Amino acid sequence: MYSHFAKFIRGGGALRNISDIIEQHLKRIMQESPNGAVEIQRSELAEMFQCVPSQINYVINTRFTIEKGYIVESKRGGGGYIRIRKAQISNKSRLQELLTEELIRNSITQAAAYAIIDRLLEEGVVNQREAALMKTATSRTVLALETPLRDRLRASILKHMIASILIR
């Protein structure tokens, strides 16, 4: 069942669903927060949007990933909470290290690669054209190989593109 918050609504000319609405709500709270974080209780948020708590889990697990630039911490129990904050990158060398050694490693899926590229775009590290080129070069249609090899090749290409961009 959808509440008045969660009904399919028109936003910016496109239909939005409950996951989009919850994501935008959490991002708005983060932007308004002095420390750039949001601390929520899953059950309270589910009640607010009249959805099941697993819907909140889905949004957090798919829209607030480390690849997309978020750090999620949780505390279980009666007074448990979920804290979401934007990962802060202090300099280009740390960004390159984080991306190539911790996130990309030796293999990466297309979805994870695109999330990283979107984050680079959002942070102003790349422009729209560069992001589009990066996505094209790492797409499964261009890298028409078997999955394990394709994901390793994608990781190598992405690492080299990021290193090239961060050197400029």
C-alpha atoms as a PDB file:
ATOM      1  CA  MET A   1       0.000   0.000   0.000  1.00  0.00           C
ATOM      2  CA  TYR A   2       1.300   3.451  -0.859  1.00  0.00           C
ATOM      3  CA  SER A   3       0.844   6.527   1.280  1.00  0.00           C
ATOM      4  CA  HIS A   4       0.486  10.044  -0.049  1.00  0.00           C
ATOM      5  CA  PHE A   5       4.321  10.148   0.013  1.00  0.00           C
ATOM      6  CA  ALA A   6       4.736   6.960  -1.915  1.00  0.00           C
ATOM      7  CA  LYS A   7       2.091   6.977  -4.613  1.00  0.00           C
ATOM      8  CA  PHE A   8       3.466   7.147  -8.076  1.00  0.00           C
ATOM      9  CA  ILE A   9       3.861  10.850  -8.684  1.00  0.00           C
ATOM     10  CA  ARG A  10       5.163  13.062 -11.404  1.00  0.00           C
ATOM     11  CA  GLY A  11       8.516  14.546 -10.538  1.00  0.00           C
ATOM     12  CA  GLY A  12      10.449  16.408 -13.193  1.00  0.00           C
ATOM     13  CA  GLY A  13       8.197  14.924 -15.880  1.00  0.00           C
ATOM     14  CA  ALA A  14       8.935  11.285 -15.035  1.00  0.00           C
ATOM     15  CA  LEU A  15       7.043   8.807 -12.909  1.00  0.00           C
ATOM     16  CA  ARG A  16       8.812   8.117  -9.630  1.00  0.00           C
ATOM     17  CA  ASN A  17       8.331   5.106  -7.401  1.00  0.00           C
ATOM     18  CA  ILE A  18       8.617   4.664  -3.671  1.00  0.00           C
ATOM     19  CA  SER A  19      12.328   3.753  -3.817  1.00  0.00           C
ATOM     20  CA  ASP A  20      13.097   6.984  -5.681  1.00  0.00           C
ATOM     21  CA  ILE A  21      11.064   8.998  -3.190  1.00  0.00           C
ATOM     22  CA  ILE A  22      12.773   7.435  -0.157  1.00  0.00           C
ATOM     23  CA  GLU A  23      16.196   7.979  -1.760  1.00  0.00           C
ATOM     24  CA  GLN A  24      15.450  11.648  -2.464  1.00  0.00           C
ATOM     25  CA  HIS A  25      14.109  12.120   1.061  1.00  0.00           C
ATOM     26  CA  LEU A  26      17.310  10.726   2.594  1.00  0.00           C
ATOM     27  CA  LYS A  27      19.534  12.785   0.273  1.00  0.00           C
ATOM     28  CA  ARG A  28      17.602  15.952   1.140  1.00  0.00           C
ATOM     29  CA  ILE A  29      18.084  15.296   4.862  1.00  0.00           C
ATOM     30  CA  MET A  30      21.827  14.750   4.273  1.00  0.00           C
ATOM     31  CA  GLN A  31      22.108  18.031   2.376  1.00  0.00           C
ATOM     32  CA  GLU A  32      20.346  19.922   5.148  1.00  0.00           C
ATOM     33  CA  SER A  33      22.369  18.261   7.904  1.00  0.00           C
ATOM     34  CA  PRO A  34      25.306  20.263   9.296  1.00  0.00           C
ATOM     35  CA  ASN A  35      27.487  17.143   9.323  1.00  0.00           C
ATOM     36  CA  GLY A  36      26.240  15.814   5.966  1.00  0.00           C
ATOM     37  CA  ALA A  37      24.842  12.623   7.455  1.00  0.00           C
ATOM     38  CA  VAL A  38      21.440  11.160   8.142  1.00  0.00           C
ATOM     39  CA  GLU A  39      20.633   8.901  11.065  1.00  0.00           C
ATOM     40  CA  ILE A  40      17.392   6.978  10.772  1.00  0.00           C
ATOM     41  CA  GLN A  41      15.500   4.129  12.313  1.00  0.00           C
ATOM     42  CA  ARG A  42      14.369   1.732   9.608  1.00  0.00           C
ATOM     43  CA  SER A  43      10.979   1.083  11.241  1.00  0.00           C
ATOM     44  CA  GLU A  44      10.192   4.802  11.620  1.00  0.00           C
ATOM     45  CA  LEU A  45      11.062   5.496   7.993  1.00  0.00           C
ATOM     46  CA  ALA A  46       8.989   2.512   6.859  1.00  0.00           C
ATOM     47  CA  GLU A  47       6.057   3.796   8.888  1.00  0.00           C
ATOM     48  CA  MET A  48       6.469   7.293   7.449  1.00  0.00           C
ATOM     49  CA  PHE A  49       6.302   5.974   3.881  1.00  0.00           C
ATOM     50  CA  GLN A  50       3.811   3.212   4.736  1.00  0.00           C
ATOM     51  CA  CYS A  51       6.011   0.473   3.362  1.00  0.00           C
ATOM     52  CA  VAL A  52       7.715  -2.613   4.752  1.00  0.00           C
ATOM     53  CA  PRO A  53      11.156  -2.229   6.412  1.00  0.00           C
ATOM     54  CA  SER A  54      12.662  -4.444   3.699  1.00  0.00           C
ATOM     55  CA  GLN A  55      11.841  -1.651   1.210  1.00  0.00           C
ATOM     56  CA  ILE A  56      14.048   0.661   3.283  1.00  0.00           C
ATOM     57  CA  ASN A  57      16.779  -2.004   3.260  1.00  0.00           C
ATOM     58  CA  TYR A  58      16.489  -2.247  -0.524  1.00  0.00           C
ATOM     59  CA  VAL A  59      16.908   1.510  -0.973  1.00  0.00           C
ATOM     60  CA  ILE A  60      19.897   1.658   1.368  1.00  0.00           C
ATOM     61  CA  ASN A  61      21.579  -1.419  -0.129  1.00  0.00           C
ATOM     62  CA  THR A  62      21.150  -0.308  -3.742  1.00  0.00           C
ATOM     63  CA  ARG A  63      21.185   3.497  -3.690  1.00  0.00           C
ATOM     64  CA  PHE A  64      23.709   4.238  -0.924  1.00  0.00           C
ATOM     65  CA  THR A  65      26.667   2.008  -1.776  1.00  0.00           C
ATOM     66  CA  ILE A  66      30.361   2.754  -1.386  1.00  0.00           C
ATOM     67  CA  GLU A  67      30.655   2.776  -5.196  1.00  0.00           C
ATOM     68  CA  LYS A  68      28.136   5.585  -5.229  1.00  0.00           C
ATOM     69  CA  GLY A  69      30.119   7.437  -2.581  1.00  0.00           C
ATOM     70  CA  TYR A  70      28.248   6.638   0.630  1.00  0.00           C
ATOM     71  CA  ILE A  71      29.250   5.040   3.895  1.00  0.00           C
ATOM     72  CA  VAL A  72      26.498   3.180   5.731  1.00  0.00           C
ATOM     73  CA  GLU A  73      26.845   2.252   9.384  1.00  0.00           C
ATOM     74  CA  SER A  74      24.247   0.442  11.430  1.00  0.00           C
ATOM     75  CA  LYS A  75      23.614  -0.423  15.032  1.00  0.00           C
ATOM     76  CA  ARG A  76      21.195  -3.203  15.809  1.00  0.00           C
ATOM     77  CA  GLY A  77      18.950  -3.514  18.830  1.00  0.00           C
ATOM     78  CA  GLY A  78      16.218  -1.511  20.528  1.00  0.00           C
ATOM     79  CA  GLY A  79      17.812   1.877  19.981  1.00  0.00           C
ATOM     80  CA  GLY A  80      19.351   0.785  16.688  1.00  0.00           C
ATOM     81  CA  TYR A  81      19.857   3.140  13.806  1.00  0.00           C
ATOM     82  CA  ILE A  82      21.285   3.413  10.327  1.00  0.00           C
ATOM     83  CA  ARG A  83      23.680   6.272   9.621  1.00  0.00           C
ATOM     84  CA  ILE A  84      24.370   7.266   6.020  1.00  0.00           C
ATOM     85  CA  ARG A  85      27.013   9.791   5.090  1.00  0.00           C
ATOM     86  CA  LYS A  86      28.785  10.890   1.968  1.00  0.00           C
ATOM     87  CA  ALA A  87      32.370   9.630   1.779  1.00  0.00           C
ATOM     88  CA  GLN A  88      34.761  12.561   1.753  1.00  0.00           C
ATOM     89  CA  ILE A  89      37.804  12.404  -0.507  1.00  0.00           C
ATOM     90  CA  SER A  90      40.604  14.688   0.680  1.00  0.00           C
ATOM     91  CA  ASN A  91      42.852  14.613  -2.398  1.00  0.00           C
ATOM     92  CA  LYS A  92      43.315  13.103  -5.855  1.00  0.00           C
ATOM     93  CA  SER A  93      45.935  10.553  -4.826  1.00  0.00           C
ATOM     94  CA  ARG A  94      43.652   9.239  -2.062  1.00  0.00           C
ATOM     95  CA  LEU A  95      40.776   9.126  -4.537  1.00  0.00           C
ATOM     96  CA  GLN A  96      42.843   7.113  -7.015  1.00  0.00           C
ATOM     97  CA  GLU A  97      43.992   4.752  -4.262  1.00  0.00           C
ATOM     98  CA  LEU A  98      40.447   4.269  -2.981  1.00  0.00           C
ATOM     99  CA  LEU A  99      39.053   3.613  -6.432  1.00  0.00           C
ATOM    100  CA  THR A 100      41.751   1.380  -7.844  1.00  0.00           C
ATOM    101  CA  GLU A 101      42.818  -0.592  -4.781  1.00  0.00           C
ATOM    102  CA  GLU A 102      39.672  -0.793  -2.687  1.00  0.00           C
ATOM    103  CA  LEU A 103      36.707  -0.574  -5.051  1.00  0.00           C
ATOM    104  CA  ILE A 104      37.819  -1.721  -8.477  1.00  0.00           C
ATOM    105  CA  ARG A 105      40.583  -4.203  -7.609  1.00  0.00           C
ATOM    106  CA  ASN A 106      41.099  -6.800 -10.368  1.00  0.00           C
ATOM    107  CA  SER A 107      37.491  -7.188 -11.479  1.00  0.00           C
ATOM    108  CA  ILE A 108      34.354  -5.054 -11.583  1.00  0.00           C
ATOM    109  CA  THR A 109      30.791  -5.436 -12.838  1.00  0.00           C
ATOM    110  CA  GLN A 110      29.238  -2.980 -15.246  1.00  0.00           C
ATOM    111  CA  ALA A 111      26.786  -1.768 -12.587  1.00  0.00           C
ATOM    112  CA  ALA A 112      29.576  -1.076 -10.087  1.00  0.00           C
ATOM    113  CA  ALA A 113      31.700   0.621 -12.762  1.00  0.00           C
ATOM    114  CA  TYR A 114      28.794   2.865 -13.760  1.00  0.00           C
ATOM    115  CA  ALA A 115      28.161   3.766 -10.107  1.00  0.00           C
ATOM    116  CA  ILE A 116      31.800   4.850  -9.747  1.00  0.00           C
ATOM    117  CA  ILE A 117      31.638   6.851 -12.983  1.00  0.00           C
ATOM    118  CA  ASP A 118      28.419   8.540 -11.803  1.00  0.00           C
ATOM    119  CA  ARG A 119      30.134   9.459  -8.527  1.00  0.00           C
ATOM    120  CA  LEU A 120      33.107  10.935 -10.422  1.00  0.00           C
ATOM    121  CA  LEU A 121      30.639  13.000 -12.451  1.00  0.00           C
ATOM    122  CA  GLU A 122      28.746  14.099  -9.343  1.00  0.00           C
ATOM    123  CA  GLU A 123      32.004  15.174  -7.662  1.00  0.00           C
ATOM    124  CA  GLY A 124      33.113  17.132 -10.733  1.00  0.00           C
ATOM    125  CA  VAL A 125      36.140  14.904 -11.364  1.00  0.00           C
ATOM    126  CA  VAL A 126      34.847  14.144 -14.873  1.00  0.00           C
ATOM    127  CA  ASN A 127      32.432  16.021 -17.102  1.00  0.00           C
ATOM    128  CA  GLN A 128      29.345  14.636 -18.878  1.00  0.00           C
ATOM    129  CA  ARG A 129      31.269  13.779 -22.043  1.00  0.00           C
ATOM    130  CA  GLU A 130      34.059  11.994 -20.189  1.00  0.00           C
ATOM    131  CA  ALA A 131      31.538  10.012 -18.147  1.00  0.00           C
ATOM    132  CA  ALA A 132      29.680   8.962 -21.294  1.00  0.00           C
ATOM    133  CA  LEU A 133      32.944   7.850 -22.929  1.00  0.00           C
ATOM    134  CA  MET A 134      33.955   5.923 -19.812  1.00  0.00           C
ATOM    135  CA  LYS A 135      30.595   4.155 -19.706  1.00  0.00           C
ATOM    136  CA  THR A 136      30.800   3.275 -23.380  1.00  0.00           C
ATOM    137  CA  ALA A 137      34.340   1.911 -23.059  1.00  0.00           C
ATOM    138  CA  THR A 138      33.362  -0.266 -20.094  1.00  0.00           C
ATOM    139  CA  SER A 139      29.962  -1.460 -21.329  1.00  0.00           C
ATOM    140  CA  ARG A 140      29.246  -5.148 -21.771  1.00  0.00           C
ATOM    141  CA  THR A 141      28.318  -4.561 -25.412  1.00  0.00           C
ATOM    142  CA  VAL A 142      31.770  -3.163 -26.187  1.00  0.00           C
ATOM    143  CA  LEU A 143      33.544  -5.737 -24.022  1.00  0.00           C
ATOM    144  CA  ALA A 144      31.867  -8.686 -25.705  1.00  0.00           C
ATOM    145  CA  LEU A 145      33.714 -11.419 -23.780  1.00  0.00           C
ATOM    146  CA  GLU A 146      32.862 -14.094 -21.247  1.00  0.00           C
ATOM    147  CA  THR A 147      31.977 -12.640 -17.834  1.00  0.00           C
ATOM    148  CA  PRO A 148      35.114 -13.273 -15.753  1.00  0.00           C
ATOM    149  CA  LEU A 149      37.408 -11.954 -18.491  1.00  0.00           C
ATOM    150  CA  ARG A 150      35.064  -9.051 -19.289  1.00  0.00           C
ATOM    151  CA  ASP A 151      34.985  -7.912 -15.645  1.00  0.00           C
ATOM    152  CA  ARG A 152      38.797  -8.088 -15.378  1.00  0.00           C
ATOM    153  CA  LEU A 153      39.251  -6.150 -18.621  1.00  0.00           C
ATOM    154  CA  ARG A 154      36.676  -3.573 -17.485  1.00  0.00           C
ATOM    155  CA  ALA A 155      38.583  -3.097 -14.207  1.00  0.00           C
ATOM    156  CA  SER A 156      41.855  -2.556 -16.044  1.00  0.00           C
ATOM    157  CA  ILE A 157      40.338  -0.070 -18.500  1.00  0.00           C
ATOM    158  CA  LEU A 158      38.557   1.838 -15.733  1.00  0.00           C
ATOM    159  CA  LYS A 159      41.674   2.031 -13.541  1.00  0.00           C
ATOM    160  CA  HIS A 160      43.735   3.387 -16.433  1.00  0.00           C
ATOM    161  CA  MET A 161      41.083   5.949 -17.381  1.00  0.00           C
ATOM    162  CA  ILE A 162      40.826   7.160 -13.793  1.00  0.00           C
ATOM    163  CA  ALA A 163      44.612   7.410 -13.449  1.00  0.00           C
ATOM    164  CA  SER A 164      44.780   9.383 -16.707  1.00  0.00           C
ATOM    165  CA  ILE A 165      42.026  11.780 -15.624  1.00  0.00           C
ATOM    166  CA  LEU A 166      43.466  12.347 -12.148  1.00  0.00           C
ATOM    167  CA  ILE A 167      46.936  13.121 -13.527  1.00  0.00           C
ATOM    168  CA  ARG A 168      45.693  16.147 -15.494  1.00  0.00           C
END
